[in-house]
Amino acid sequence: MIYKVYYQETKERNPKREQTQSIYVEADNEEMVHNLLRDNTPYNVEYIQLLEGNHLEYEKENADFKLAEF
């Protein structure tokens, strides 16, 4: 499954909506996404969204869609 993860680049500052970024991660479940990001990045994860169906197709066509590799 593919997830879109909204995050802040560091855990040291208070989150600001204007600085929220996103990446795409392929994993079996949301817990695996949390574990991958916790173990491999300094990111402060705000939200993890499952992408499927039309929403996934839209993201692939209209965003900078590239799966993150860890």
Protein backbone atom coordinates (compact mmCIF):
# COMPACT_ATOMS: atom_id res chain seq x y z
CA MET A 1 0.00 0.00 0.00
CA ILE A 2 1.12 3.55 -0.60
CA TYR A 3 0.91 6.24 2.06
CA LYS A 4 1.33 9.99 1.86
CA VAL A 5 3.14 11.28 4.92
CA TYR A 6 2.93 14.90 6.05
CA TYR A 7 5.86 15.92 8.21
CA GLN A 8 8.10 18.64 9.59
CA GLU A 9 11.82 18.25 8.91
CA THR A 10 12.80 18.37 12.56
CA LYS A 11 11.32 17.50 15.94
CA GLU A 12 13.13 20.39 17.59
CA ARG A 13 10.85 23.23 16.43
CA ASN A 14 7.15 23.73 16.84
CA PRO A 15 5.23 22.56 13.76
CA LYS A 16 4.09 25.27 11.35
CA ARG A 17 1.60 24.50 8.63
CA GLU A 18 3.56 26.58 6.13
CA GLN A 19 6.59 24.32 6.60
CA THR A 20 4.78 21.00 6.27
CA GLN A 21 6.23 18.75 3.60
CA SER A 22 5.15 15.39 2.23
CA ILE A 23 6.66 12.15 0.98
CA TYR A 24 5.23 8.92 -0.35
CA VAL A 25 6.06 5.62 1.34
CA GLU A 26 5.21 2.06 0.36
CA ALA A 27 4.53 -0.24 3.32
CA ASP A 28 2.19 -2.98 4.46
CA ASN A 29 0.52 -0.85 7.14
CA GLU A 30 0.61 2.50 8.92
CA GLU A 31 2.69 1.13 11.80
CA MET A 32 5.44 0.13 9.38
CA VAL A 33 5.46 3.67 7.98
CA HIS A 34 5.89 5.09 11.49
CA ASN A 35 8.73 2.65 12.19
CA LEU A 36 10.52 3.41 8.91
CA LEU A 37 10.40 7.14 9.48
CA ARG A 38 11.32 6.94 13.16
CA ASP A 39 14.34 4.72 12.45
CA ASN A 40 15.60 6.48 9.29
CA THR A 41 14.73 10.18 9.53
CA PRO A 42 14.66 13.08 12.01
CA TYR A 43 11.14 13.97 10.81
CA ASN A 44 8.23 14.95 13.01
CA VAL A 45 5.34 13.04 11.42
CA GLU A 46 2.07 14.96 11.46
CA TYR A 47 -0.27 12.71 9.50
CA ILE A 48 -0.18 9.48 7.49
CA GLN A 49 -2.78 9.07 4.76
CA LEU A 50 -3.48 5.87 2.87
CA LEU A 51 -3.71 6.48 -0.88
CA GLU A 52 -5.85 4.18 -3.00
CA GLY A 53 -8.10 4.21 -6.03
CA ASN A 54 -8.76 7.54 -7.71
CA HIS A 55 -6.89 9.47 -5.02
CA LEU A 56 -3.70 7.48 -5.70
CA GLU A 57 -4.06 7.98 -9.45
CA TYR A 58 -4.54 11.72 -8.94
CA GLU A 59 -1.39 11.96 -6.81
CA LYS A 60 0.62 10.03 -9.40
CA GLU A 61 -0.49 12.38 -12.19
CA ASN A 62 -0.51 15.75 -10.46
CA ALA A 63 2.11 15.78 -7.72
CA ASP A 64 5.83 15.16 -7.42
CA PHE A 65 5.10 11.50 -6.96
CA LYS A 66 8.20 9.55 -6.04
CA LEU A 67 8.33 6.75 -3.51
CA ALA A 68 10.84 7.30 -0.72
CA GLU A 69 13.45 4.59 -0.27
CA PHE A 70 14.85 3.64 3.12
